[in-house]
């Protein structure tokens, strides 16, 4: 397990100061996560191997690979936990399972996002399927604020019982984004958010391990 890098320490300190930690309740979960962070700040094990965000036409594409020391079972349990919407992303304001049929879970997610002065409340309906340790979420266009899109998490066994994780996403918004914002600044925002999600996933997995 490697020592936390400078950016990891800064990320955690910023999260603590800004009250950005994911919470299940206003007090108890925040306190538990804070204790977990303080106890493990020198032994964080997120190994970011690749993070690429591009824009082709109206479509944003994200590719990220990283590894953590927690097992695939723990990672999958967290990624498929719909009980606490902001667990991995504080901008998710609501998440609800709409239906479950033939192995497909239809999930509605509401997100509040801002880039500079441009803010948008986004509704997202996705059909989620899980095969082995791969989660695929296909956007339902006629019920979402996106014309098309697919998000995929793939979790495999890594070294020493840890997890190797790949995240891929293609998303085409169905709403106006000012041209000056929609290129560099949206890509920068997406990069920051998915990196923060990976860090939160590691923290949550560490907390689950501590409860065993």
C-alpha atoms as a PDB file:
ATOM      1  CA  UNK A   1       0.000   0.000   0.000  1.00  0.00           C
ATOM      2  CA  UNK A   2       1.580   3.276  -1.059  1.00  0.00           C
ATOM      3  CA  UNK A   3       1.777   6.639   0.694  1.00  0.00           C
ATOM      4  CA  UNK A   4      -0.741   9.325  -0.216  1.00  0.00           C
ATOM      5  CA  UNK A   5       0.484  11.755  -2.860  1.00  0.00           C
ATOM      6  CA  UNK A   6       0.294  15.536  -2.500  1.00  0.00           C
ATOM      7  CA  UNK A   7      -2.826  15.849  -4.667  1.00  0.00           C
ATOM      8  CA  UNK A   8      -4.582  13.158  -2.621  1.00  0.00           C
ATOM      9  CA  UNK A   9      -3.878  14.992   0.624  1.00  0.00           C
ATOM     10  CA  UNK A  10      -5.089  18.268  -0.885  1.00  0.00           C
ATOM     11  CA  UNK A  11      -8.224  16.559  -2.189  1.00  0.00           C
ATOM     12  CA  UNK A  12      -9.058  15.134   1.229  1.00  0.00           C
ATOM     13  CA  UNK A  13      -8.384  18.375   3.073  1.00  0.00           C
ATOM     14  CA  UNK A  14     -10.539  20.273   0.565  1.00  0.00           C
ATOM     15  CA  UNK A  15     -13.329  17.716   0.975  1.00  0.00           C
ATOM     16  CA  UNK A  16     -13.226  18.007   4.747  1.00  0.00           C
ATOM     17  CA  UNK A  17     -13.164  21.808   4.771  1.00  0.00           C
ATOM     18  CA  UNK A  18     -15.872  22.149   2.100  1.00  0.00           C
ATOM     19  CA  UNK A  19     -18.123  19.490   3.668  1.00  0.00           C
ATOM     20  CA  UNK A  20     -18.129  17.549   0.408  1.00  0.00           C
ATOM     21  CA  UNK A  21     -17.887  14.116   1.973  1.00  0.00           C
ATOM     22  CA  UNK A  22     -20.716  11.733   1.024  1.00  0.00           C
ATOM     23  CA  UNK A  23     -23.204  11.300   3.857  1.00  0.00           C
ATOM     24  CA  UNK A  24     -25.935   8.821   4.651  1.00  0.00           C
ATOM     25  CA  UNK A  25     -27.109  10.973   7.525  1.00  0.00           C
ATOM     26  CA  UNK A  26     -26.164  14.539   8.348  1.00  0.00           C
ATOM     27  CA  UNK A  27     -23.991  13.647  11.316  1.00  0.00           C
ATOM     28  CA  UNK A  28     -23.184  10.012  11.956  1.00  0.00           C
ATOM     29  CA  UNK A  29     -21.999   9.087   8.476  1.00  0.00           C
ATOM     30  CA  UNK A  30     -20.008  12.296   8.035  1.00  0.00           C
ATOM     31  CA  UNK A  31     -18.282  11.662  11.366  1.00  0.00           C
ATOM     32  CA  UNK A  32     -17.533   8.053  10.464  1.00  0.00           C
ATOM     33  CA  UNK A  33     -16.066   9.002   7.097  1.00  0.00           C
ATOM     34  CA  UNK A  34     -13.991  11.768   8.661  1.00  0.00           C
ATOM     35  CA  UNK A  35     -12.510   9.311  11.148  1.00  0.00           C
ATOM     36  CA  UNK A  36     -11.794   6.879   8.310  1.00  0.00           C
ATOM     37  CA  UNK A  37     -10.034   9.590   6.330  1.00  0.00           C
ATOM     38  CA  UNK A  38      -7.922  10.752   9.248  1.00  0.00           C
ATOM     39  CA  UNK A  39      -6.953   7.192  10.104  1.00  0.00           C
ATOM     40  CA  UNK A  40      -5.946   6.293   6.547  1.00  0.00           C
ATOM     41  CA  UNK A  41      -4.690   9.532   5.023  1.00  0.00           C
ATOM     42  CA  UNK A  42      -1.105   8.219   4.782  1.00  0.00           C
ATOM     43  CA  UNK A  43      -2.079   4.863   3.272  1.00  0.00           C
ATOM     44  CA  UNK A  44      -4.362   5.734   0.384  1.00  0.00           C
ATOM     45  CA  UNK A  45      -4.004   3.284  -2.456  1.00  0.00           C
ATOM     46  CA  UNK A  46      -5.747   4.798  -5.466  1.00  0.00           C
ATOM     47  CA  UNK A  47      -3.490   4.146  -8.435  1.00  0.00           C
ATOM     48  CA  UNK A  48      -4.714   6.278 -11.343  1.00  0.00           C
ATOM     49  CA  UNK A  49      -3.418   4.798 -14.581  1.00  0.00           C
ATOM     50  CA  UNK A  50      -5.365   6.729 -17.171  1.00  0.00           C
ATOM     51  CA  UNK A  51      -7.932   9.525 -17.320  1.00  0.00           C
ATOM     52  CA  UNK A  52      -8.973  10.997 -20.648  1.00  0.00           C
ATOM     53  CA  UNK A  53     -11.917  13.298 -21.393  1.00  0.00           C
ATOM     54  CA  UNK A  54     -12.637  14.299 -24.990  1.00  0.00           C
ATOM     55  CA  UNK A  55     -15.414  15.959 -26.982  1.00  0.00           C
ATOM     56  CA  UNK A  56     -16.407  14.776 -30.455  1.00  0.00           C
ATOM     57  CA  UNK A  57     -19.153  16.882 -31.950  1.00  0.00           C
ATOM     58  CA  UNK A  58     -21.806  17.060 -29.209  1.00  0.00           C
ATOM     59  CA  UNK A  59     -20.633  13.884 -27.492  1.00  0.00           C
ATOM     60  CA  UNK A  60     -18.406  13.824 -24.421  1.00  0.00           C
ATOM     61  CA  UNK A  61     -16.268  10.726 -23.920  1.00  0.00           C
ATOM     62  CA  UNK A  62     -14.582   9.641 -20.698  1.00  0.00           C
ATOM     63  CA  UNK A  63     -12.082   6.847 -20.194  1.00  0.00           C
ATOM     64  CA  UNK A  64     -10.540   6.145 -16.787  1.00  0.00           C
ATOM     65  CA  UNK A  65      -8.630   3.186 -15.373  1.00  0.00           C
ATOM     66  CA  UNK A  66      -7.369   2.874 -11.817  1.00  0.00           C
ATOM     67  CA  UNK A  67      -6.808   0.336  -9.080  1.00  0.00           C
ATOM     68  CA  UNK A  68      -7.517   0.227  -5.351  1.00  0.00           C
ATOM     69  CA  UNK A  69      -6.755  -2.303  -2.633  1.00  0.00           C
ATOM     70  CA  UNK A  70     -10.407  -3.178  -1.852  1.00  0.00           C
ATOM     71  CA  UNK A  71     -11.903  -6.362  -3.308  1.00  0.00           C
ATOM     72  CA  UNK A  72     -14.149  -6.421  -6.405  1.00  0.00           C
ATOM     73  CA  UNK A  73     -17.112  -7.537  -4.278  1.00  0.00           C
ATOM     74  CA  UNK A  74     -16.884  -4.409  -2.121  1.00  0.00           C
ATOM     75  CA  UNK A  75     -16.477  -2.164  -5.146  1.00  0.00           C
ATOM     76  CA  UNK A  76     -19.476  -3.689  -6.929  1.00  0.00           C
ATOM     77  CA  UNK A  77     -21.635  -3.360  -3.804  1.00  0.00           C
ATOM     78  CA  UNK A  78     -20.872   0.361  -3.592  1.00  0.00           C
ATOM     79  CA  UNK A  79     -21.392   1.020  -7.309  1.00  0.00           C
ATOM     80  CA  UNK A  80     -24.820  -0.656  -7.200  1.00  0.00           C
ATOM     81  CA  UNK A  81     -25.971   1.037  -3.984  1.00  0.00           C
ATOM     82  CA  UNK A  82     -28.856   3.322  -4.931  1.00  0.00           C
ATOM     83  CA  UNK A  83     -29.906   4.018  -1.330  1.00  0.00           C
ATOM     84  CA  UNK A  84     -27.794   7.127  -0.845  1.00  0.00           C
ATOM     85  CA  UNK A  85     -27.712   9.284  -4.005  1.00  0.00           C
ATOM     86  CA  UNK A  86     -24.712  11.450  -3.108  1.00  0.00           C
ATOM     87  CA  UNK A  87     -22.505   8.624  -1.882  1.00  0.00           C
ATOM     88  CA  UNK A  88     -20.035   8.976  -4.761  1.00  0.00           C
ATOM     89  CA  UNK A  89     -21.034  12.350  -6.196  1.00  0.00           C
ATOM     90  CA  UNK A  90     -22.369  15.290  -4.123  1.00  0.00           C
ATOM     91  CA  UNK A  91     -24.006  16.769  -7.234  1.00  0.00           C
ATOM     92  CA  UNK A  92     -26.452  13.864  -7.420  1.00  0.00           C
ATOM     93  CA  UNK A  93     -29.532  15.202  -5.642  1.00  0.00           C
ATOM     94  CA  UNK A  94     -31.869  12.212  -6.103  1.00  0.00           C
ATOM     95  CA  UNK A  95     -31.799   8.620  -7.305  1.00  0.00           C
ATOM     96  CA  UNK A  96     -34.706   6.217  -7.545  1.00  0.00           C
ATOM     97  CA  UNK A  97     -35.268   2.727  -8.893  1.00  0.00           C
ATOM     98  CA  UNK A  98     -38.258   2.985 -11.225  1.00  0.00           C
ATOM     99  CA  UNK A  99     -38.583  -0.642 -12.266  1.00  0.00           C
ATOM    100  CA  UNK A 100     -36.855  -4.008 -12.202  1.00  0.00           C
ATOM    101  CA  UNK A 101     -37.676  -6.376 -15.038  1.00  0.00           C
ATOM    102  CA  UNK A 102     -35.847  -9.150 -16.921  1.00  0.00           C
ATOM    103  CA  UNK A 103     -32.545  -8.311 -15.269  1.00  0.00           C
ATOM    104  CA  UNK A 104     -32.767  -4.625 -16.191  1.00  0.00           C
ATOM    105  CA  UNK A 105     -32.977  -2.021 -13.430  1.00  0.00           C
ATOM    106  CA  UNK A 106     -34.387   1.319 -14.612  1.00  0.00           C
ATOM    107  CA  UNK A 107     -32.987   4.134 -12.492  1.00  0.00           C
ATOM    108  CA  UNK A 108     -33.834   7.842 -12.435  1.00  0.00           C
ATOM    109  CA  UNK A 109     -31.031  10.177 -11.371  1.00  0.00           C
ATOM    110  CA  UNK A 110     -31.203  13.932 -10.830  1.00  0.00           C
ATOM    111  CA  UNK A 111     -28.017  15.987 -10.976  1.00  0.00           C
ATOM    112  CA  UNK A 112     -27.343  19.637 -10.222  1.00  0.00           C
ATOM    113  CA  UNK A 113     -24.242  20.889 -11.998  1.00  0.00           C
ATOM    114  CA  UNK A 114     -22.615  24.251 -12.542  1.00  0.00           C
ATOM    115  CA  UNK A 115     -19.725  25.406 -14.711  1.00  0.00           C
ATOM    116  CA  UNK A 116     -18.993  29.046 -13.900  1.00  0.00           C
ATOM    117  CA  UNK A 117     -22.351  30.846 -14.078  1.00  0.00           C
ATOM    118  CA  UNK A 118     -23.968  28.160 -16.252  1.00  0.00           C
ATOM    119  CA  UNK A 119     -26.054  25.829 -14.078  1.00  0.00           C
ATOM    120  CA  UNK A 120     -28.375  23.030 -15.083  1.00  0.00           C
ATOM    121  CA  UNK A 121     -30.620  20.557 -13.277  1.00  0.00           C
ATOM    122  CA  UNK A 122     -30.356  17.351 -15.289  1.00  0.00           C
ATOM    123  CA  UNK A 123     -32.658  14.322 -15.246  1.00  0.00           C
ATOM    124  CA  UNK A 124     -31.222  11.018 -16.355  1.00  0.00           C
ATOM    125  CA  UNK A 125     -33.087   7.738 -16.898  1.00  0.00           C
ATOM    126  CA  UNK A 126     -30.847   4.707 -17.348  1.00  0.00           C
ATOM    127  CA  UNK A 127     -31.412   0.997 -17.947  1.00  0.00           C
ATOM    128  CA  UNK A 128     -28.796  -0.746 -15.831  1.00  0.00           C
ATOM    129  CA  UNK A 129     -27.614  -4.303 -16.473  1.00  0.00           C
ATOM    130  CA  UNK A 130     -25.014  -6.260 -14.513  1.00  0.00           C
ATOM    131  CA  UNK A 131     -23.126  -9.158 -16.055  1.00  0.00           C
ATOM    132  CA  UNK A 132     -20.384 -10.674 -13.898  1.00  0.00           C
ATOM    133  CA  UNK A 133     -18.458  -7.647 -12.617  1.00  0.00           C
ATOM    134  CA  UNK A 134     -19.504  -5.254 -15.373  1.00  0.00           C
ATOM    135  CA  UNK A 135     -22.180  -2.603 -14.864  1.00  0.00           C
ATOM    136  CA  UNK A 136     -23.629  -0.982 -17.976  1.00  0.00           C
ATOM    137  CA  UNK A 137     -26.078   1.912 -17.839  1.00  0.00           C
ATOM    138  CA  UNK A 138     -27.784   2.870 -21.123  1.00  0.00           C
ATOM    139  CA  UNK A 139     -29.508   6.238 -21.251  1.00  0.00           C
ATOM    140  CA  UNK A 140     -33.196   6.240 -22.208  1.00  0.00           C
ATOM    141  CA  UNK A 141     -33.268   9.317 -24.509  1.00  0.00           C
ATOM    142  CA  UNK A 142     -36.985  10.114 -24.581  1.00  0.00           C
ATOM    143  CA  UNK A 143     -37.077  10.303 -20.778  1.00  0.00           C
ATOM    144  CA  UNK A 144     -33.738  12.043 -20.184  1.00  0.00           C
ATOM    145  CA  UNK A 145     -31.945  15.309 -20.832  1.00  0.00           C
ATOM    146  CA  UNK A 146     -29.542  13.407 -23.080  1.00  0.00           C
ATOM    147  CA  UNK A 147     -29.929  12.339 -26.720  1.00  0.00           C
ATOM    148  CA  UNK A 148     -27.848   9.220 -26.135  1.00  0.00           C
ATOM    149  CA  UNK A 149     -25.267   7.748 -23.842  1.00  0.00           C
ATOM    150  CA  UNK A 150     -23.762   4.714 -22.159  1.00  0.00           C
ATOM    151  CA  UNK A 151     -21.793   4.414 -18.934  1.00  0.00           C
ATOM    152  CA  UNK A 152     -19.842   1.280 -18.049  1.00  0.00           C
ATOM    153  CA  UNK A 153     -17.943   0.165 -14.949  1.00  0.00           C
ATOM    154  CA  UNK A 154     -15.748  -2.942 -15.253  1.00  0.00           C
ATOM    155  CA  UNK A 155     -14.197  -4.382 -12.095  1.00  0.00           C
ATOM    156  CA  UNK A 156     -11.637  -7.185 -12.144  1.00  0.00           C
ATOM    157  CA  UNK A 157      -9.356  -8.732  -9.550  1.00  0.00           C
ATOM    158  CA  UNK A 158      -6.086  -6.902  -9.121  1.00  0.00           C
ATOM    159  CA  UNK A 159      -2.934  -7.511  -7.148  1.00  0.00           C
ATOM    160  CA  UNK A 160      -3.123  -8.726  -3.533  1.00  0.00           C
ATOM    161  CA  UNK A 161      -6.899  -9.054  -3.559  1.00  0.00           C
ATOM    162  CA  UNK A 162      -7.505  -5.513  -4.783  1.00  0.00           C
ATOM    163  CA  UNK A 163      -9.512  -4.268  -7.766  1.00  0.00           C
ATOM    164  CA  UNK A 164      -8.636  -3.065 -11.241  1.00  0.00           C
ATOM    165  CA  UNK A 165     -11.379  -0.686 -12.378  1.00  0.00           C
ATOM    166  CA  UNK A 166     -12.226   0.755 -15.798  1.00  0.00           C
ATOM    167  CA  UNK A 167     -14.848   3.446 -16.393  1.00  0.00           C
ATOM    168  CA  UNK A 168     -16.083   4.379 -19.867  1.00  0.00           C
ATOM    169  CA  UNK A 169     -18.795   6.867 -20.756  1.00  0.00           C
ATOM    170  CA  UNK A 170     -20.257   8.444 -23.901  1.00  0.00           C
ATOM    171  CA  UNK A 171     -22.870  11.146 -23.377  1.00  0.00           C
ATOM    172  CA  UNK A 172     -24.604  13.512 -25.794  1.00  0.00           C
ATOM    173  CA  UNK A 173     -26.561  16.265 -24.000  1.00  0.00           C
ATOM    174  CA  UNK A 174     -29.978  17.320 -25.272  1.00  0.00           C
ATOM    175  CA  UNK A 175     -29.751  20.816 -23.842  1.00  0.00           C
ATOM    176  CA  UNK A 176     -27.915  23.998 -24.790  1.00  0.00           C
ATOM    177  CA  UNK A 177     -24.391  24.531 -23.485  1.00  0.00           C
ATOM    178  CA  UNK A 178     -22.788  27.901 -24.320  1.00  0.00           C
ATOM    179  CA  UNK A 179     -19.982  27.316 -26.841  1.00  0.00           C
ATOM    180  CA  UNK A 180     -17.355  29.096 -24.724  1.00  0.00           C
ATOM    181  CA  UNK A 181     -18.096  26.694 -21.858  1.00  0.00           C
ATOM    182  CA  UNK A 182     -18.935  23.481 -23.700  1.00  0.00           C
ATOM    183  CA  UNK A 183     -15.403  22.675 -24.804  1.00  0.00           C
ATOM    184  CA  UNK A 184     -12.455  23.037 -22.458  1.00  0.00           C
ATOM    185  CA  UNK A 185     -14.346  24.006 -19.311  1.00  0.00           C
ATOM    186  CA  UNK A 186     -16.907  21.194 -19.415  1.00  0.00           C
ATOM    187  CA  UNK A 187     -14.149  18.676 -20.126  1.00  0.00           C
ATOM    188  CA  UNK A 188     -12.173  20.043 -17.183  1.00  0.00           C
ATOM    189  CA  UNK A 189     -15.243  19.815 -14.946  1.00  0.00           C
ATOM    190  CA  UNK A 190     -15.960  16.235 -16.030  1.00  0.00           C
ATOM    191  CA  UNK A 191     -12.355  15.271 -15.367  1.00  0.00           C
ATOM    192  CA  UNK A 192     -12.481  16.727 -11.853  1.00  0.00           C
ATOM    193  CA  UNK A 193     -15.783  15.057 -11.067  1.00  0.00           C
ATOM    194  CA  UNK A 194     -14.871  11.563 -12.246  1.00  0.00           C
ATOM    195  CA  UNK A 195     -11.520  11.763 -10.443  1.00  0.00           C
ATOM    196  CA  UNK A 196     -13.340  12.776  -7.259  1.00  0.00           C
ATOM    197  CA  UNK A 197     -15.762   9.875  -7.772  1.00  0.00           C
ATOM    198  CA  UNK A 198     -12.846   7.435  -7.953  1.00  0.00           C
ATOM    199  CA  UNK A 199     -11.407   8.888  -4.755  1.00  0.00           C
ATOM    200  CA  UNK A 200     -14.759   8.621  -2.994  1.00  0.00           C
ATOM    201  CA  UNK A 201     -15.124   5.034  -4.169  1.00  0.00           C
ATOM    202  CA  UNK A 202     -11.796   4.208  -2.564  1.00  0.00           C
ATOM    203  CA  UNK A 203     -12.767   5.905   0.698  1.00  0.00           C
ATOM    204  CA  UNK A 204     -16.139   4.160   0.854  1.00  0.00           C
ATOM    205  CA  UNK A 205     -14.548   0.784   0.141  1.00  0.00           C
ATOM    206  CA  UNK A 206     -12.011   1.372   2.899  1.00  0.00           C
ATOM    207  CA  UNK A 207     -14.827   2.198   5.289  1.00  0.00           C
ATOM    208  CA  UNK A 208     -16.674  -0.995   4.380  1.00  0.00           C
ATOM    209  CA  UNK A 209     -13.506  -2.970   5.114  1.00  0.00           C
ATOM    210  CA  UNK A 210     -13.176  -1.318   8.527  1.00  0.00           C
ATOM    211  CA  UNK A 211     -16.709  -2.461   9.428  1.00  0.00           C
ATOM    212  CA  UNK A 212     -15.891  -6.118   8.903  1.00  0.00           C
END
